């Protein structure tokens, strides 16, 4: 089975949906975002991860699409997450990547034609960005502003993006030189509730919904979006 992940290279917005809310999958897919991310990681409590995994497996088996953010390789859920995805070519967002062998390992366990979006969200990953992005099968990298900011001692609110912007600028030429599109970045736009980041921190691009338009789309699904 051949999978075409070129839409991920062009995506300007990715809508995150908790894997334990299958009632939101179709709604998110029809929201107008360029793609959806079915999340088994941060959006799902430990007690609900098994249910989230089952929900996502049924969605994919029935022809649904989406990037799947799995739990990182140090967690007790990683093996089951990967096993659930193994029957189909799929796009996996891999958290806490610090070295290329982590990307190679997950690709070796997925169906041929799968791809990985490594999350660059630690200082170690930033230093290894070139070799991580060089692994065949990497569709694009994702820059984890919040986790990296916390590791660097920069608060989630206030000047978070200012604090990590220089590091992103240093990594982005690596991604471009290797033939990837610019890094995707997490920008929280969560209906003004906990985790909300003011619009001035968003980075809307041409042909992309503004952060206020995206927030309006998000009000019903109550998840967050990635603006590239």
C-alpha atoms as a PDB file:
ATOM      1  CA  UNK A   1       0.000   0.000   0.000  1.00  0.00           C
ATOM      2  CA  UNK A   2       1.414   3.380  -1.021  1.00  0.00           C
ATOM      3  CA  UNK A   3       0.881   6.398   1.205  1.00  0.00           C
ATOM      4  CA  UNK A   4       1.255  10.002   0.076  1.00  0.00           C
ATOM      5  CA  UNK A   5       2.287  12.339   2.885  1.00  0.00           C
ATOM      6  CA  UNK A   6       2.954  15.376   0.678  1.00  0.00           C
ATOM      7  CA  UNK A   7       0.015  17.196   2.271  1.00  0.00           C
ATOM      8  CA  UNK A   8       1.945  17.246   5.543  1.00  0.00           C
ATOM      9  CA  UNK A   9       4.748  19.154   3.859  1.00  0.00           C
ATOM     10  CA  UNK A  10       2.236  21.772   2.714  1.00  0.00           C
ATOM     11  CA  UNK A  11       0.155  21.900   5.894  1.00  0.00           C
ATOM     12  CA  UNK A  12      -0.254  25.302   7.537  1.00  0.00           C
ATOM     13  CA  UNK A  13      -2.502  24.154  10.365  1.00  0.00           C
ATOM     14  CA  UNK A  14      -2.861  20.884  12.265  1.00  0.00           C
ATOM     15  CA  UNK A  15      -5.774  20.424  14.626  1.00  0.00           C
ATOM     16  CA  UNK A  16      -5.085  18.336  17.740  1.00  0.00           C
ATOM     17  CA  UNK A  17      -7.830  16.009  18.963  1.00  0.00           C
ATOM     18  CA  UNK A  18      -7.674  13.914  22.159  1.00  0.00           C
ATOM     19  CA  UNK A  19      -7.719  10.243  21.291  1.00  0.00           C
ATOM     20  CA  UNK A  20     -10.227   9.528  24.043  1.00  0.00           C
ATOM     21  CA  UNK A  21     -12.826  11.717  22.290  1.00  0.00           C
ATOM     22  CA  UNK A  22     -13.768   9.790  19.139  1.00  0.00           C
ATOM     23  CA  UNK A  23     -16.914  11.920  18.879  1.00  0.00           C
ATOM     24  CA  UNK A  24     -14.626  14.780  17.827  1.00  0.00           C
ATOM     25  CA  UNK A  25     -12.597  12.979  15.148  1.00  0.00           C
ATOM     26  CA  UNK A  26     -14.949  13.545  12.218  1.00  0.00           C
ATOM     27  CA  UNK A  27     -15.726  17.074  13.359  1.00  0.00           C
ATOM     28  CA  UNK A  28     -12.029  17.908  13.475  1.00  0.00           C
ATOM     29  CA  UNK A  29     -11.446  16.323  10.059  1.00  0.00           C
ATOM     30  CA  UNK A  30     -14.140  18.588   8.623  1.00  0.00           C
ATOM     31  CA  UNK A  31     -13.010  21.732  10.457  1.00  0.00           C
ATOM     32  CA  UNK A  32     -11.035  23.244   7.576  1.00  0.00           C
ATOM     33  CA  UNK A  33      -7.629  22.620   9.153  1.00  0.00           C
ATOM     34  CA  UNK A  34      -5.030  21.227   6.759  1.00  0.00           C
ATOM     35  CA  UNK A  35      -4.775  18.081   8.855  1.00  0.00           C
ATOM     36  CA  UNK A  36      -5.581  16.597  12.241  1.00  0.00           C
ATOM     37  CA  UNK A  37      -3.389  15.082  14.937  1.00  0.00           C
ATOM     38  CA  UNK A  38      -4.976  12.281  16.930  1.00  0.00           C
ATOM     39  CA  UNK A  39      -3.279  12.576  20.302  1.00  0.00           C
ATOM     40  CA  UNK A  40      -2.491   9.725  22.694  1.00  0.00           C
ATOM     41  CA  UNK A  41       0.158  11.712  24.570  1.00  0.00           C
ATOM     42  CA  UNK A  42      -0.344  14.919  26.567  1.00  0.00           C
ATOM     43  CA  UNK A  43      -4.064  15.266  25.870  1.00  0.00           C
ATOM     44  CA  UNK A  44      -4.925  11.867  27.362  1.00  0.00           C
ATOM     45  CA  UNK A  45      -4.698  10.816  31.019  1.00  0.00           C
ATOM     46  CA  UNK A  46      -2.850   7.554  31.748  1.00  0.00           C
ATOM     47  CA  UNK A  47      -6.047   5.711  32.666  1.00  0.00           C
ATOM     48  CA  UNK A  48      -7.612   6.595  29.307  1.00  0.00           C
ATOM     49  CA  UNK A  49      -4.689   5.832  26.984  1.00  0.00           C
ATOM     50  CA  UNK A  50      -5.866   2.304  26.196  1.00  0.00           C
ATOM     51  CA  UNK A  51      -9.306   3.593  25.185  1.00  0.00           C
ATOM     52  CA  UNK A  52      -7.693   6.363  23.112  1.00  0.00           C
ATOM     53  CA  UNK A  53      -5.537   3.804  21.331  1.00  0.00           C
ATOM     54  CA  UNK A  54      -8.567   1.654  20.514  1.00  0.00           C
ATOM     55  CA  UNK A  55     -10.511   4.676  19.254  1.00  0.00           C
ATOM     56  CA  UNK A  56      -7.719   5.732  16.925  1.00  0.00           C
ATOM     57  CA  UNK A  57      -7.227   2.183  15.674  1.00  0.00           C
ATOM     58  CA  UNK A  58     -10.917   1.943  14.724  1.00  0.00           C
ATOM     59  CA  UNK A  59     -10.809   5.357  13.042  1.00  0.00           C
ATOM     60  CA  UNK A  60      -7.835   4.365  10.882  1.00  0.00           C
ATOM     61  CA  UNK A  61      -9.212   0.887  10.133  1.00  0.00           C
ATOM     62  CA  UNK A  62     -12.413   2.473   8.841  1.00  0.00           C
ATOM     63  CA  UNK A  63     -10.587   4.801   6.466  1.00  0.00           C
ATOM     64  CA  UNK A  64     -10.071   7.808   8.724  1.00  0.00           C
ATOM     65  CA  UNK A  65      -6.860   9.776   8.378  1.00  0.00           C
ATOM     66  CA  UNK A  66      -4.613  11.852  10.599  1.00  0.00           C
ATOM     67  CA  UNK A  67      -1.187  12.123  12.146  1.00  0.00           C
ATOM     68  CA  UNK A  68      -0.990  10.179  15.408  1.00  0.00           C
ATOM     69  CA  UNK A  69       1.013  11.633  18.280  1.00  0.00           C
ATOM     70  CA  UNK A  70       2.117   8.624  20.296  1.00  0.00           C
ATOM     71  CA  UNK A  71       3.761   8.464  23.704  1.00  0.00           C
ATOM     72  CA  UNK A  72       7.524   8.717  23.805  1.00  0.00           C
ATOM     73  CA  UNK A  73       9.819   5.719  23.919  1.00  0.00           C
ATOM     74  CA  UNK A  74      10.550   5.979  27.634  1.00  0.00           C
ATOM     75  CA  UNK A  75       6.904   5.441  28.599  1.00  0.00           C
ATOM     76  CA  UNK A  76       5.062   2.168  29.280  1.00  0.00           C
ATOM     77  CA  UNK A  77       2.563   3.007  26.510  1.00  0.00           C
ATOM     78  CA  UNK A  78       4.964   3.340  23.604  1.00  0.00           C
ATOM     79  CA  UNK A  79       5.074  -0.312  22.502  1.00  0.00           C
ATOM     80  CA  UNK A  80       1.292  -0.641  22.474  1.00  0.00           C
ATOM     81  CA  UNK A  81       0.938   2.645  20.579  1.00  0.00           C
ATOM     82  CA  UNK A  82       3.288   1.470  17.842  1.00  0.00           C
ATOM     83  CA  UNK A  83       1.719  -1.998  17.682  1.00  0.00           C
ATOM     84  CA  UNK A  84      -1.712  -0.418  17.139  1.00  0.00           C
ATOM     85  CA  UNK A  85      -0.385   1.549  14.153  1.00  0.00           C
ATOM     86  CA  UNK A  86       1.628  -1.273  12.572  1.00  0.00           C
ATOM     87  CA  UNK A  87      -1.080  -2.608  10.193  1.00  0.00           C
ATOM     88  CA  UNK A  88      -1.218   0.535   8.040  1.00  0.00           C
ATOM     89  CA  UNK A  89       1.186   3.084   6.573  1.00  0.00           C
ATOM     90  CA  UNK A  90       0.768   5.984   8.951  1.00  0.00           C
ATOM     91  CA  UNK A  91       2.166   9.358   9.969  1.00  0.00           C
ATOM     92  CA  UNK A  92       3.512   9.393  13.522  1.00  0.00           C
ATOM     93  CA  UNK A  93       4.423  12.430  15.584  1.00  0.00           C
ATOM     94  CA  UNK A  94       7.180  11.202  17.889  1.00  0.00           C
ATOM     95  CA  UNK A  95       7.750  13.148  21.147  1.00  0.00           C
ATOM     96  CA  UNK A  96      10.993  13.647  23.030  1.00  0.00           C
ATOM     97  CA  UNK A  97      13.280  12.739  20.135  1.00  0.00           C
ATOM     98  CA  UNK A  98      16.924  13.334  21.001  1.00  0.00           C
ATOM     99  CA  UNK A  99      18.748  11.117  18.483  1.00  0.00           C
ATOM    100  CA  UNK A 100      18.218   9.711  14.971  1.00  0.00           C
ATOM    101  CA  UNK A 101      18.084   6.091  16.137  1.00  0.00           C
ATOM    102  CA  UNK A 102      14.761   6.810  17.877  1.00  0.00           C
ATOM    103  CA  UNK A 103      13.229   7.784  14.534  1.00  0.00           C
ATOM    104  CA  UNK A 104      14.792   4.784  12.812  1.00  0.00           C
ATOM    105  CA  UNK A 105      13.486   2.440  15.511  1.00  0.00           C
ATOM    106  CA  UNK A 106       9.866   3.503  15.188  1.00  0.00           C
ATOM    107  CA  UNK A 107      10.000   3.480  11.381  1.00  0.00           C
ATOM    108  CA  UNK A 108      11.378  -0.060  11.515  1.00  0.00           C
ATOM    109  CA  UNK A 109       8.282  -1.171  13.420  1.00  0.00           C
ATOM    110  CA  UNK A 110       5.725   0.594  11.222  1.00  0.00           C
ATOM    111  CA  UNK A 111       4.335  -0.484   7.868  1.00  0.00           C
ATOM    112  CA  UNK A 112       6.364   0.457   4.752  1.00  0.00           C
ATOM    113  CA  UNK A 113       5.433   3.905   3.516  1.00  0.00           C
ATOM    114  CA  UNK A 114       5.011   5.360   7.002  1.00  0.00           C
ATOM    115  CA  UNK A 115       6.582   8.662   8.003  1.00  0.00           C
ATOM    116  CA  UNK A 116       7.637  10.381  11.222  1.00  0.00           C
ATOM    117  CA  UNK A 117       7.323  13.968  12.415  1.00  0.00           C
ATOM    118  CA  UNK A 118       9.949  14.214  15.188  1.00  0.00           C
ATOM    119  CA  UNK A 119       9.233  16.669  17.968  1.00  0.00           C
ATOM    120  CA  UNK A 120      12.235  18.907  18.594  1.00  0.00           C
ATOM    121  CA  UNK A 121      11.364  19.895  22.152  1.00  0.00           C
ATOM    122  CA  UNK A 122      14.548  19.460  24.183  1.00  0.00           C
ATOM    123  CA  UNK A 123      17.977  21.050  24.142  1.00  0.00           C
ATOM    124  CA  UNK A 124      19.498  17.684  23.204  1.00  0.00           C
ATOM    125  CA  UNK A 125      17.182  17.420  20.204  1.00  0.00           C
ATOM    126  CA  UNK A 126      18.054  20.928  19.093  1.00  0.00           C
ATOM    127  CA  UNK A 127      21.754  20.018  19.078  1.00  0.00           C
ATOM    128  CA  UNK A 128      21.050  16.858  17.051  1.00  0.00           C
ATOM    129  CA  UNK A 129      18.486  18.430  14.710  1.00  0.00           C
ATOM    130  CA  UNK A 130      20.582  17.931  11.582  1.00  0.00           C
ATOM    131  CA  UNK A 131      21.009  14.186  11.991  1.00  0.00           C
ATOM    132  CA  UNK A 132      17.423  13.710  13.211  1.00  0.00           C
ATOM    133  CA  UNK A 133      16.025  15.483  10.165  1.00  0.00           C
ATOM    134  CA  UNK A 134      18.370  13.501   7.881  1.00  0.00           C
ATOM    135  CA  UNK A 135      16.699  10.162   8.639  1.00  0.00           C
ATOM    136  CA  UNK A 136      14.819   8.844   5.569  1.00  0.00           C
ATOM    137  CA  UNK A 137      11.139   8.841   6.384  1.00  0.00           C
ATOM    138  CA  UNK A 138      11.093  12.159   8.245  1.00  0.00           C
ATOM    139  CA  UNK A 139       8.271  14.194   6.704  1.00  0.00           C
ATOM    140  CA  UNK A 140       9.018  17.366   8.634  1.00  0.00           C
ATOM    141  CA  UNK A 141      10.087  18.385  12.101  1.00  0.00           C
ATOM    142  CA  UNK A 142       7.877  19.947  14.747  1.00  0.00           C
ATOM    143  CA  UNK A 143       9.281  22.510  17.177  1.00  0.00           C
ATOM    144  CA  UNK A 144       7.944  22.066  20.719  1.00  0.00           C
ATOM    145  CA  UNK A 145       8.050  25.624  22.041  1.00  0.00           C
ATOM    146  CA  UNK A 146       6.499  24.968  25.443  1.00  0.00           C
ATOM    147  CA  UNK A 147       8.535  21.935  26.536  1.00  0.00           C
ATOM    148  CA  UNK A 148      11.781  23.448  25.290  1.00  0.00           C
ATOM    149  CA  UNK A 149      10.930  26.719  27.000  1.00  0.00           C
ATOM    150  CA  UNK A 150      10.354  24.921  30.288  1.00  0.00           C
ATOM    151  CA  UNK A 151      13.643  23.044  29.980  1.00  0.00           C
ATOM    152  CA  UNK A 152      15.435  26.330  29.348  1.00  0.00           C
ATOM    153  CA  UNK A 153      13.703  27.918  32.332  1.00  0.00           C
ATOM    154  CA  UNK A 154      11.450  30.180  30.277  1.00  0.00           C
ATOM    155  CA  UNK A 155       7.830  30.391  31.435  1.00  0.00           C
ATOM    156  CA  UNK A 156       4.986  29.017  29.344  1.00  0.00           C
ATOM    157  CA  UNK A 157       3.351  32.438  29.333  1.00  0.00           C
ATOM    158  CA  UNK A 158       4.876  35.860  28.829  1.00  0.00           C
ATOM    159  CA  UNK A 159       8.008  35.759  26.694  1.00  0.00           C
ATOM    160  CA  UNK A 160       8.031  32.047  25.860  1.00  0.00           C
ATOM    161  CA  UNK A 161       8.231  32.467  22.100  1.00  0.00           C
ATOM    162  CA  UNK A 162      10.745  35.303  22.390  1.00  0.00           C
ATOM    163  CA  UNK A 163      12.901  33.044  24.579  1.00  0.00           C
ATOM    164  CA  UNK A 164      13.103  30.158  22.107  1.00  0.00           C
ATOM    165  CA  UNK A 165      12.762  32.009  18.802  1.00  0.00           C
ATOM    166  CA  UNK A 166      16.514  32.350  18.335  1.00  0.00           C
ATOM    167  CA  UNK A 167      17.008  28.601  18.734  1.00  0.00           C
ATOM    168  CA  UNK A 168      14.267  27.879  16.219  1.00  0.00           C
ATOM    169  CA  UNK A 169      15.923  30.274  13.753  1.00  0.00           C
ATOM    170  CA  UNK A 170      19.172  28.343  14.157  1.00  0.00           C
ATOM    171  CA  UNK A 171      17.490  24.978  13.485  1.00  0.00           C
ATOM    172  CA  UNK A 172      15.254  26.021  10.600  1.00  0.00           C
ATOM    173  CA  UNK A 173      18.051  26.313   7.972  1.00  0.00           C
ATOM    174  CA  UNK A 174      19.004  22.713   8.808  1.00  0.00           C
ATOM    175  CA  UNK A 175      15.467  21.583   8.021  1.00  0.00           C
ATOM    176  CA  UNK A 176      15.368  23.577   4.796  1.00  0.00           C
ATOM    177  CA  UNK A 177      18.810  22.398   3.657  1.00  0.00           C
ATOM    178  CA  UNK A 178      17.660  18.799   4.019  1.00  0.00           C
ATOM    179  CA  UNK A 179      14.662  19.418   1.814  1.00  0.00           C
ATOM    180  CA  UNK A 180      12.027  19.794   4.530  1.00  0.00           C
ATOM    181  CA  UNK A 181       9.596  22.660   4.818  1.00  0.00           C
ATOM    182  CA  UNK A 182      10.110  25.120   7.704  1.00  0.00           C
ATOM    183  CA  UNK A 183       9.541  23.757  11.180  1.00  0.00           C
ATOM    184  CA  UNK A 184       6.015  23.550  12.488  1.00  0.00           C
ATOM    185  CA  UNK A 185       5.483  25.210  15.866  1.00  0.00           C
ATOM    186  CA  UNK A 186       2.942  24.720  18.581  1.00  0.00           C
ATOM    187  CA  UNK A 187       0.805  27.764  19.231  1.00  0.00           C
ATOM    188  CA  UNK A 188      -1.972  27.246  21.739  1.00  0.00           C
ATOM    189  CA  UNK A 189      -5.299  28.804  20.780  1.00  0.00           C
ATOM    190  CA  UNK A 190      -7.677  27.272  23.314  1.00  0.00           C
ATOM    191  CA  UNK A 191     -10.939  29.269  23.519  1.00  0.00           C
ATOM    192  CA  UNK A 192      -9.450  31.669  26.089  1.00  0.00           C
ATOM    193  CA  UNK A 193      -9.274  28.946  28.747  1.00  0.00           C
ATOM    194  CA  UNK A 194      -6.315  27.354  30.545  1.00  0.00           C
ATOM    195  CA  UNK A 195      -3.293  27.216  28.281  1.00  0.00           C
ATOM    196  CA  UNK A 196      -4.510  30.131  26.151  1.00  0.00           C
ATOM    197  CA  UNK A 197      -1.748  32.128  24.497  1.00  0.00           C
ATOM    198  CA  UNK A 198      -2.623  35.627  23.275  1.00  0.00           C
ATOM    199  CA  UNK A 199      -2.918  36.113  19.530  1.00  0.00           C
ATOM    200  CA  UNK A 200       0.278  38.144  19.377  1.00  0.00           C
ATOM    201  CA  UNK A 201       2.226  34.910  19.889  1.00  0.00           C
ATOM    202  CA  UNK A 202       0.735  33.228  16.838  1.00  0.00           C
ATOM    203  CA  UNK A 203       2.486  33.247  13.478  1.00  0.00           C
ATOM    204  CA  UNK A 204      -0.204  33.118  10.785  1.00  0.00           C
ATOM    205  CA  UNK A 205       1.113  32.856   7.227  1.00  0.00           C
ATOM    206  CA  UNK A 206      -0.324  33.711   3.854  1.00  0.00           C
ATOM    207  CA  UNK A 207      -3.268  31.503   2.876  1.00  0.00           C
ATOM    208  CA  UNK A 208      -3.649  30.484   6.524  1.00  0.00           C
ATOM    209  CA  UNK A 209      -6.496  31.234   8.903  1.00  0.00           C
ATOM    210  CA  UNK A 210      -5.674  33.974  11.362  1.00  0.00           C
ATOM    211  CA  UNK A 211      -5.387  32.874  14.981  1.00  0.00           C
ATOM    212  CA  UNK A 212      -8.756  34.463  15.777  1.00  0.00           C
ATOM    213  CA  UNK A 213     -10.443  32.514  12.971  1.00  0.00           C
ATOM    214  CA  UNK A 214      -8.782  29.345  14.133  1.00  0.00           C
ATOM    215  CA  UNK A 215      -9.922  29.995  17.686  1.00  0.00           C
ATOM    216  CA  UNK A 216     -13.496  30.299  16.456  1.00  0.00           C
ATOM    217  CA  UNK A 217     -13.162  26.914  14.771  1.00  0.00           C
ATOM    218  CA  UNK A 218     -11.712  25.498  17.956  1.00  0.00           C
ATOM    219  CA  UNK A 219     -14.484  26.613  20.286  1.00  0.00           C
ATOM    220  CA  UNK A 220     -16.564  23.536  19.580  1.00  0.00           C
ATOM    221  CA  UNK A 221     -13.769  20.996  19.600  1.00  0.00           C
ATOM    222  CA  UNK A 222     -11.914  22.552  22.559  1.00  0.00           C
ATOM    223  CA  UNK A 223      -8.506  21.409  21.437  1.00  0.00           C
ATOM    224  CA  UNK A 224      -5.430  23.283  20.290  1.00  0.00           C
ATOM    225  CA  UNK A 225      -3.995  24.016  16.897  1.00  0.00           C
ATOM    226  CA  UNK A 226      -0.553  24.191  15.394  1.00  0.00           C
ATOM    227  CA  UNK A 227       0.142  27.235  13.247  1.00  0.00           C
ATOM    228  CA  UNK A 228       3.093  26.761  10.927  1.00  0.00           C
END
